[in-house]
Amino acid sequence: MQRALGVVVREPKLRRHLEELLDVGGKHIPGRTTLYRHRLTIHMGFCRFLAAMTGSMLRDGGATCFGAIDSSAQGPWDWLLSGRLILRNSDLQPCMQDAHAMINLSISEDSNDDDVAESVRLSRRLQPRLRLVQGAPVGVGSGRGSLSRKLHALVHATRLTTSSWEDAVATMNSTFSWTGDLGT
């Protein structure tokens, strides 16, 4: 069963939660075939989980996002894949200071065990503040791959991982930068 969870559930936190339910023994997790058959339901449940997390960050002083986007032509469809790193605005300054300290440690020519330990400590401080949100893949029909249609699809993908259209707009407006491969 744990192998099936590894195949079907890609998000590590959700997979760990389901594995813990297996260990408890009193609860029943559906079999591999049932999970595979209902993967859309599982994915939408995961989108609702992300919506709750994103909504709380937006309401508690706002959030800043850094987005990534890529499109991949597969037959008659152009699949748009997106994701974003989101953090609370109140965490921006401490995260930036920790990131700069890590960069300074990594470019230092005199690296020692203390620097490695400090880098690990900084990384552990950063991890709980940064949330990686995987966007839902959306398809753009063949011949409809203009930038405006891709952005339209991106807004709909963002809506799937937020609680309302207002939150989707707030998330898009909170995105500081988008990174992509520009078709290469």
Protein backbone atom coordinates (compact mmCIF):
# COMPACT_ATOMS: atom_id res chain seq x y z
CA MET A 1 0.00 0.00 0.00
CA GLN A 2 2.83 2.41 0.80
CA ARG A 3 4.28 1.78 -2.67
CA ALA A 4 0.90 2.67 -4.20
CA LEU A 5 0.82 5.92 -2.20
CA GLY A 6 4.28 6.75 -3.54
CA VAL A 7 3.02 6.29 -7.10
CA VAL A 8 -0.28 8.12 -6.80
CA VAL A 9 0.35 10.87 -4.22
CA ARG A 10 3.29 13.08 -5.19
CA GLU A 11 3.03 15.73 -2.42
CA PRO A 12 5.34 14.55 0.41
CA LYS A 13 3.29 15.97 3.31
CA LEU A 14 0.04 14.42 2.07
CA ARG A 15 1.81 11.09 1.38
CA ARG A 16 3.33 11.09 4.90
CA HIS A 17 -0.09 11.83 6.39
CA LEU A 18 -1.68 8.92 4.51
CA GLU A 19 1.22 6.63 5.46
CA GLU A 20 0.70 7.58 9.12
CA LEU A 21 -2.96 6.63 8.76
CA LEU A 22 -1.80 3.23 7.51
CA ASP A 23 0.39 2.80 10.58
CA VAL A 24 -2.47 3.61 12.98
CA GLY A 25 -4.30 0.53 11.73
CA GLY A 26 -7.79 1.60 12.80
CA LYS A 27 -8.44 3.48 9.59
CA HIS A 28 -8.95 2.09 6.12
CA ILE A 29 -7.15 3.53 3.11
CA PRO A 30 -8.49 2.38 -0.26
CA GLY A 31 -6.46 -0.02 -2.36
CA ARG A 32 -4.06 0.95 -5.15
CA THR A 33 -6.60 0.51 -7.96
CA THR A 34 -9.22 2.61 -6.17
CA LEU A 35 -6.69 5.37 -5.49
CA TYR A 36 -5.57 5.32 -9.12
CA ARG A 37 -9.16 5.41 -10.37
CA HIS A 38 -9.98 8.36 -8.11
CA ARG A 39 -6.78 10.35 -8.63
CA LEU A 40 -8.76 13.37 -9.91
CA THR A 41 -10.71 13.41 -6.64
CA ILE A 42 -7.47 13.12 -4.67
CA HIS A 43 -5.92 15.92 -6.73
CA MET A 44 -8.90 18.20 -6.15
CA GLY A 45 -8.73 17.44 -2.42
CA PHE A 46 -5.08 18.47 -2.55
CA CYS A 47 -6.10 21.68 -4.39
CA ARG A 48 -8.55 22.44 -1.56
CA PHE A 49 -5.74 21.87 0.98
CA LEU A 50 -3.57 24.36 -0.95
CA ALA A 51 -6.49 26.81 -1.14
CA ALA A 52 -6.86 26.84 2.63
CA MET A 53 -3.12 27.39 3.11
CA THR A 54 -2.93 30.15 0.48
CA GLY A 55 -6.06 31.86 1.82
CA SER A 56 -4.71 32.00 5.36
CA MET A 57 -1.44 33.51 4.12
CA LEU A 58 -3.28 36.13 2.04
CA ARG A 59 -5.49 37.15 4.97
CA ASP A 60 -2.72 37.24 7.61
CA GLY A 61 -0.88 40.33 6.39
CA GLY A 62 -0.57 39.32 2.75
CA ALA A 63 1.82 37.13 0.85
CA THR A 64 4.44 37.35 -1.87
CA CYS A 65 4.73 34.74 -4.60
CA PHE A 66 7.46 33.78 -7.03
CA GLY A 67 6.02 31.84 -9.95
CA ALA A 68 7.33 29.35 -12.48
CA ILE A 69 5.56 28.46 -15.69
CA ASP A 70 6.22 26.12 -18.57
CA SER A 71 4.22 24.79 -21.47
CA SER A 72 4.72 21.46 -23.16
CA ALA A 73 3.15 20.45 -26.46
CA GLN A 74 1.72 16.93 -26.31
CA GLY A 75 -0.17 15.99 -29.45
CA PRO A 76 -3.16 18.28 -29.98
CA TRP A 77 -2.72 19.91 -26.58
CA ASP A 78 -0.31 22.42 -25.17
CA TRP A 79 -0.09 21.63 -21.44
CA LEU A 80 0.59 24.59 -19.19
CA LEU A 81 2.34 23.68 -15.95
CA SER A 82 2.78 26.21 -13.19
CA GLY A 83 3.87 26.48 -9.62
CA ARG A 84 4.71 29.15 -7.11
CA LEU A 85 6.70 29.69 -3.99
CA ILE A 86 4.64 31.64 -1.49
CA LEU A 87 5.63 33.25 1.78
CA ARG A 88 4.02 35.63 4.22
CA ASN A 89 4.96 39.29 3.82
CA SER A 90 5.99 39.34 7.48
CA ASP A 91 8.62 36.69 6.65
CA LEU A 92 10.16 38.52 3.67
CA GLN A 93 12.92 40.35 5.53
CA PRO A 94 14.09 37.41 7.70
CA CYS A 95 14.02 35.08 4.68
CA MET A 96 16.03 37.52 2.60
CA GLN A 97 18.61 37.90 5.38
CA ASP A 98 18.92 34.12 5.77
CA ALA A 99 19.18 33.62 1.99
CA HIS A 100 21.91 36.26 1.71
CA ALA A 101 23.81 34.66 4.58
CA MET A 102 23.59 31.27 2.81
CA ILE A 103 24.83 32.81 -0.45
CA ASN A 104 27.76 34.45 1.35
CA LEU A 105 28.65 31.12 2.97
CA SER A 106 28.49 29.29 -0.36
CA ILE A 107 30.80 31.71 -2.19
CA SER A 108 33.34 31.83 0.62
CA GLU A 109 36.68 30.40 -0.40
CA ASP A 110 37.49 29.35 3.16
CA SER A 111 34.69 26.83 3.70
CA ASN A 112 34.88 24.78 6.89
CA ASP A 113 32.63 22.56 9.00
CA ASP A 114 31.24 25.55 10.89
CA ASP A 115 30.11 27.11 7.60
CA VAL A 116 28.36 23.89 6.58
CA ALA A 117 26.62 23.68 9.96
CA GLU A 118 25.55 27.34 9.69
CA SER A 119 24.24 26.76 6.18
CA VAL A 120 22.18 23.79 7.39
CA ARG A 121 20.84 25.87 10.29
CA LEU A 122 19.83 28.69 7.91
CA SER A 123 18.20 26.25 5.55
CA ARG A 124 16.15 24.77 8.39
CA ARG A 125 15.00 28.27 9.36
CA LEU A 126 13.93 28.99 5.78
CA GLN A 127 12.06 25.75 5.07
CA PRO A 128 8.98 26.25 7.27
CA ARG A 129 8.46 29.79 5.94
CA LEU A 130 8.44 28.87 2.25
CA ARG A 131 5.46 27.07 0.75
CA LEU A 132 5.74 25.42 -2.64
CA VAL A 133 2.38 25.31 -4.40
CA GLN A 134 2.08 23.07 -7.43
CA GLY A 135 -0.42 24.48 -9.89
CA ALA A 136 -2.97 22.28 -11.59
CA PRO A 137 -1.94 21.37 -15.16
CA VAL A 138 -4.22 22.96 -17.71
CA GLY A 139 -4.53 22.34 -21.43
CA VAL A 140 -4.57 24.93 -24.17
CA GLY A 141 -5.84 23.62 -27.50
CA SER A 142 -3.59 23.30 -30.49
CA GLY A 143 -3.46 26.54 -32.46
CA ARG A 144 -4.52 28.50 -29.39
CA GLY A 145 -1.10 28.91 -27.80
CA SER A 146 -0.90 32.69 -27.80
CA LEU A 147 0.35 34.43 -24.68
CA SER A 148 -3.10 35.81 -23.82
CA ARG A 149 -4.66 32.32 -23.94
CA LYS A 150 -1.86 30.86 -21.84
CA LEU A 151 -2.33 33.59 -19.23
CA HIS A 152 -6.07 32.93 -19.29
CA ALA A 153 -5.34 29.24 -18.59
CA LEU A 154 -2.88 30.23 -15.85
CA VAL A 155 -5.54 32.28 -14.06
CA HIS A 156 -7.88 29.27 -14.15
CA ALA A 157 -5.11 26.99 -12.82
CA THR A 158 -4.52 29.49 -10.00
CA ARG A 159 -8.24 29.51 -9.23
CA LEU A 160 -8.14 25.73 -8.67
CA THR A 161 -5.65 26.20 -5.81
CA THR A 162 -7.43 29.15 -4.18
CA SER A 163 -10.78 29.47 -2.40
CA SER A 164 -12.35 32.16 -4.58
CA TRP A 165 -11.79 34.31 -7.63
CA GLU A 166 -10.83 37.15 -5.28
CA ASP A 167 -8.07 34.98 -3.79
CA ALA A 168 -6.96 33.94 -7.29
CA VAL A 169 -6.65 37.60 -8.31
CA ALA A 170 -4.88 38.46 -5.05
CA THR A 171 -2.44 35.59 -5.63
CA MET A 172 -1.75 36.69 -9.21
CA ASN A 173 -1.29 40.30 -8.06
CA SER A 174 1.04 39.13 -5.26
CA THR A 175 3.33 37.36 -7.71
CA PHE A 176 6.61 39.24 -7.77
CA SER A 177 8.13 37.44 -10.76
CA TRP A 178 7.51 34.63 -13.23
CA THR A 179 10.25 32.32 -14.39
CA GLY A 180 10.06 30.19 -17.52
CA ASP A 181 12.25 28.73 -20.19
CA LEU A 182 10.85 31.02 -22.92
CA GLY A 183 10.21 28.08 -25.22
CA THR A 184 13.69 26.60 -25.13
